[in-house]
Amino acid sequence: MINLRRVLTELSKERPIFHSEADFQFALAWKIKEEYSELNLLLEKPFKREERRRKHIDILVIDTFSNEEIPIELKYKTLALEEPFKDKIGTFDLTNQTARDQGRHGFLEDISRIEEYLVNSSSSIGFVILLTNDSNYWNEKTNKTDDEEFKIFEGRKVSGRLDWRKGTSNGTKNGKGAIILSGKYEMRWTNYSELEDKKGIFRYLIIKVQGK
């Protein structure tokens, strides 16, 4: 089985920051292949969900010896930097993604998606990763919000049915409904990188999803 924490540690030495989620996806897939040459990888692998809508798995790792598949879903959420960050491969000018309620919902929905994938495949495990420089994701806030049940701050445990607070407007929900998780998950954040000149800290949250 791949050790994704080790892969992320090695990747952080080369790529402390990414332009976009697609950039993160490609770089992580490349690093997995470098570290585990015997594995095959597919990006944006389609699969059909129960409601018959076709979805995609960001990275599908395939063990060529056992034929076991390991699905990986990714999220990359950013706050804009006060100044663009420059390193050996270019300049990074991040966008300000402040819709944190949608970001949290999307991360938990990815866990549900991986659970569903595992039920309908021969896979036994999958992973969901969120990488961000926005401390609002990992810090606990005492104020109550419409997405209270979707919060993923350090140490939080989630399971079962998660939904918006009663009375939440359709505009806030943006078409996103309740999420049902079969497993129980605890949020444990890990430092990924610290940019030079105090331009920000990136941390990641990785959830291991196990099939039944």
Protein backbone atom coordinates (compact mmCIF):
# COMPACT_ATOMS: atom_id res chain seq x y z
CA MET A 1 0.00 0.00 0.00
CA ILE A 2 1.23 3.49 -0.79
CA ASN A 3 2.30 5.82 2.00
CA LEU A 4 0.68 9.07 0.94
CA ARG A 5 2.03 11.03 3.88
CA ARG A 6 5.56 10.18 2.82
CA VAL A 7 4.74 11.08 -0.77
CA LEU A 8 3.36 14.46 0.32
CA THR A 9 6.45 15.10 2.44
CA GLU A 10 8.69 14.46 -0.56
CA LEU A 11 6.46 16.51 -2.85
CA SER A 12 6.53 19.49 -0.48
CA LYS A 13 10.31 19.73 -0.90
CA GLU A 14 9.88 20.32 -4.62
CA ARG A 15 6.46 21.96 -4.77
CA PRO A 16 5.54 23.95 -1.65
CA ILE A 17 2.71 25.64 -3.55
CA PHE A 18 0.49 24.98 -6.59
CA HIS A 19 -1.26 27.17 -9.12
CA SER A 20 -4.53 25.26 -8.98
CA GLU A 21 -6.20 22.01 -7.99
CA ALA A 22 -5.34 20.56 -11.40
CA ASP A 23 -1.68 21.51 -10.84
CA PHE A 24 -1.75 19.77 -7.45
CA GLN A 25 -3.44 16.71 -8.96
CA PHE A 26 -0.84 16.30 -11.70
CA ALA A 27 2.13 16.91 -9.38
CA LEU A 28 0.89 14.41 -6.79
CA ALA A 29 0.22 11.76 -9.42
CA TRP A 30 3.70 12.29 -10.87
CA LYS A 31 5.31 11.98 -7.44
CA ILE A 32 3.37 8.79 -6.65
CA LYS A 33 4.65 7.29 -9.90
CA GLU A 34 8.22 8.35 -9.08
CA GLU A 35 8.03 6.76 -5.63
CA TYR A 36 6.15 3.63 -6.75
CA SER A 37 7.18 2.84 -10.32
CA GLU A 38 5.26 -0.45 -10.30
CA LEU A 39 1.93 1.33 -9.98
CA ASN A 40 -0.25 2.59 -12.81
CA LEU A 41 -2.23 5.79 -12.47
CA LEU A 42 -5.32 7.19 -14.17
CA LEU A 43 -6.52 10.78 -13.85
CA GLU A 44 -10.20 11.77 -13.89
CA LYS A 45 -11.39 8.15 -14.01
CA PRO A 46 -15.19 8.17 -14.59
CA PHE A 47 -17.62 6.04 -12.63
CA LYS A 48 -21.40 5.98 -12.37
CA ARG A 49 -22.96 6.84 -9.02
CA GLU A 50 -26.19 5.42 -7.62
CA GLU A 51 -28.24 8.38 -8.84
CA ARG A 52 -26.93 7.53 -12.35
CA ARG A 53 -24.90 10.72 -12.66
CA ARG A 54 -21.41 10.13 -13.95
CA LYS A 55 -18.62 11.37 -11.67
CA HIS A 56 -14.84 11.19 -11.77
CA ILE A 57 -12.12 10.03 -9.42
CA ASP A 58 -9.24 12.53 -9.40
CA ILE A 59 -6.47 9.89 -9.22
CA LEU A 60 -6.96 6.15 -9.50
CA VAL A 61 -3.89 4.14 -8.45
CA ILE A 62 -3.74 0.59 -9.81
CA ASP A 63 -1.46 -2.06 -8.36
CA THR A 64 -0.21 -4.03 -11.37
CA PHE A 65 0.42 -7.16 -9.28
CA SER A 66 -2.81 -7.43 -7.30
CA ASN A 67 -4.98 -5.32 -9.65
CA GLU A 68 -6.27 -3.52 -6.57
CA GLU A 69 -7.45 0.05 -7.18
CA ILE A 70 -6.89 2.92 -4.75
CA PRO A 71 -9.09 5.96 -5.48
CA ILE A 72 -7.87 9.39 -4.36
CA GLU A 73 -9.91 12.60 -4.29
CA LEU A 74 -8.27 16.02 -3.92
CA LYS A 75 -9.23 19.52 -2.87
CA TYR A 76 -7.00 22.62 -3.05
CA LYS A 77 -8.44 25.73 -1.40
CA THR A 78 -6.51 28.98 -1.26
CA LEU A 79 -6.39 32.46 0.17
CA ALA A 80 -4.80 35.11 -2.00
CA LEU A 81 -1.22 36.01 -1.10
CA GLU A 82 -0.40 39.62 -0.28
CA GLU A 83 2.35 39.37 -2.87
CA PRO A 84 2.98 36.72 -5.54
CA PHE A 85 5.30 33.95 -4.41
CA LYS A 86 8.34 33.21 -6.57
CA ASP A 87 10.44 30.06 -6.55
CA LYS A 88 12.60 28.09 -8.96
CA ILE A 89 9.70 27.05 -11.20
CA GLY A 90 7.88 30.34 -11.50
CA THR A 91 5.55 32.88 -9.92
CA PHE A 92 2.43 31.91 -8.01
CA ASP A 93 -0.42 34.39 -7.63
CA LEU A 94 -3.24 32.56 -5.83
CA THR A 95 -6.93 33.39 -6.06
CA ASN A 96 -9.07 34.09 -3.02
CA GLN A 97 -11.46 31.18 -2.53
CA THR A 98 -13.61 32.34 0.38
CA ALA A 99 -16.66 30.06 -0.05
CA ARG A 100 -15.52 27.89 2.84
CA ASP A 101 -18.97 26.38 3.40
CA GLN A 102 -18.84 24.94 -0.13
CA GLY A 103 -15.23 23.88 0.39
CA ARG A 104 -16.06 21.94 3.56
CA HIS A 105 -19.14 20.40 1.97
CA GLY A 106 -17.13 19.37 -1.08
CA PHE A 107 -14.45 17.70 1.04
CA LEU A 108 -16.98 15.65 3.02
CA GLU A 109 -18.89 14.84 -0.15
CA ASP A 110 -15.64 13.44 -1.57
CA ILE A 111 -15.43 11.09 1.44
CA SER A 112 -18.98 9.93 0.71
CA ARG A 113 -18.06 9.47 -2.96
CA ILE A 114 -15.06 7.30 -2.08
CA GLU A 115 -17.23 5.22 0.28
CA GLU A 116 -19.64 4.62 -2.58
CA TYR A 117 -16.83 3.77 -4.97
CA LEU A 118 -15.44 1.17 -2.58
CA VAL A 119 -18.84 -0.51 -2.20
CA ASN A 120 -19.09 -1.00 -5.96
CA SER A 121 -15.51 -2.10 -6.68
CA SER A 122 -12.86 -4.54 -5.53
CA SER A 123 -10.97 -1.72 -3.78
CA SER A 124 -10.52 -1.90 -0.03
CA ILE A 125 -9.19 1.61 0.69
CA GLY A 126 -9.28 5.13 -0.71
CA PHE A 127 -8.09 8.59 0.33
CA VAL A 128 -9.38 12.14 0.38
CA ILE A 129 -6.90 15.03 0.68
CA LEU A 130 -7.50 18.73 1.30
CA LEU A 131 -4.55 21.11 0.95
CA THR A 132 -5.00 24.77 1.93
CA ASN A 133 -3.34 27.90 3.23
CA ASP A 134 -6.63 29.08 4.78
CA SER A 135 -6.47 28.61 8.56
CA ASN A 136 -10.26 28.98 8.78
CA TYR A 137 -10.49 25.33 7.73
CA TRP A 138 -8.38 23.92 10.57
CA ASN A 139 -9.15 26.43 13.35
CA GLU A 140 -12.27 25.94 15.46
CA LYS A 141 -14.64 28.91 15.53
CA THR A 142 -17.23 29.42 18.28
CA ASN A 143 -19.73 31.30 16.11
CA LYS A 144 -22.55 29.19 14.71
CA THR A 145 -22.88 29.03 10.93
CA ASP A 146 -25.23 27.46 8.39
CA ASP A 147 -22.61 24.80 7.60
CA GLU A 148 -21.96 23.91 11.26
CA GLU A 149 -22.24 20.16 10.66
CA PHE A 150 -19.75 20.32 7.79
CA LYS A 151 -16.89 21.88 9.77
CA ILE A 152 -13.56 20.06 9.64
CA PHE A 153 -11.42 21.86 12.23
CA GLU A 154 -8.62 20.06 14.08
CA GLY A 155 -9.88 17.15 16.21
CA ARG A 156 -13.46 17.18 14.93
CA LYS A 157 -15.15 13.80 14.44
CA VAL A 158 -17.81 13.32 11.76
CA SER A 159 -20.14 10.45 10.89
CA GLY A 160 -23.70 9.73 9.85
CA ARG A 161 -26.00 12.33 8.27
CA LEU A 162 -24.63 15.86 7.96
CA ASP A 163 -26.87 18.69 6.82
CA TRP A 164 -27.22 22.45 6.59
CA ARG A 165 -28.75 24.29 9.52
CA LYS A 166 -32.53 24.52 9.30
CA GLY A 167 -33.57 27.61 7.39
CA THR A 168 -30.40 27.89 5.31
CA SER A 169 -31.19 29.69 2.05
CA ASN A 170 -31.02 27.92 -1.29
CA GLY A 171 -28.45 30.48 -2.39
CA THR A 172 -26.11 29.43 0.42
CA LYS A 173 -26.66 25.75 -0.28
CA ASN A 174 -25.91 26.28 -3.98
CA GLY A 175 -27.59 23.00 -4.88
CA LYS A 176 -25.67 20.99 -2.29
CA GLY A 177 -27.74 18.75 -0.02
CA ALA A 178 -27.17 16.57 3.01
CA ILE A 179 -24.22 14.15 3.12
CA ILE A 180 -24.36 10.66 4.59
CA LEU A 181 -21.13 9.05 5.79
CA SER A 182 -21.00 5.33 6.54
CA GLY A 183 -17.71 5.53 8.46
CA LYS A 184 -16.43 7.65 11.32
CA TYR A 185 -13.62 10.11 10.65
CA GLU A 186 -11.44 12.36 12.80
CA MET A 187 -9.83 15.49 11.42
CA ARG A 188 -6.06 15.61 11.99
CA TRP A 189 -4.21 18.36 10.14
CA THR A 190 -0.53 18.16 9.13
CA ASN A 191 1.87 20.93 8.09
CA TYR A 192 2.76 20.76 4.40
CA SER A 193 4.93 23.81 3.71
CA GLU A 194 5.80 27.29 4.94
CA LEU A 195 6.48 29.85 2.25
CA GLU A 196 9.46 32.15 2.47
CA ASP A 197 9.09 35.73 3.76
CA LYS A 198 6.11 34.67 5.89
CA LYS A 199 3.79 34.47 2.88
CA GLY A 200 1.78 31.64 4.35
CA ILE A 201 1.58 28.15 5.76
CA PHE A 202 -0.03 25.27 3.90
CA ARG A 203 -1.52 22.37 5.83
CA TYR A 204 -3.25 19.22 4.62
CA LEU A 205 -5.97 16.97 5.88
CA ILE A 206 -5.89 13.36 4.71
CA ILE A 207 -8.71 10.90 5.36
CA LYS A 208 -8.28 7.18 4.84
CA VAL A 209 -11.54 5.58 3.77
CA GLN A 210 -11.88 1.83 4.24
CA GLY A 211 -14.37 -0.41 2.49
CA LYS A 212 -16.66 -2.80 4.27
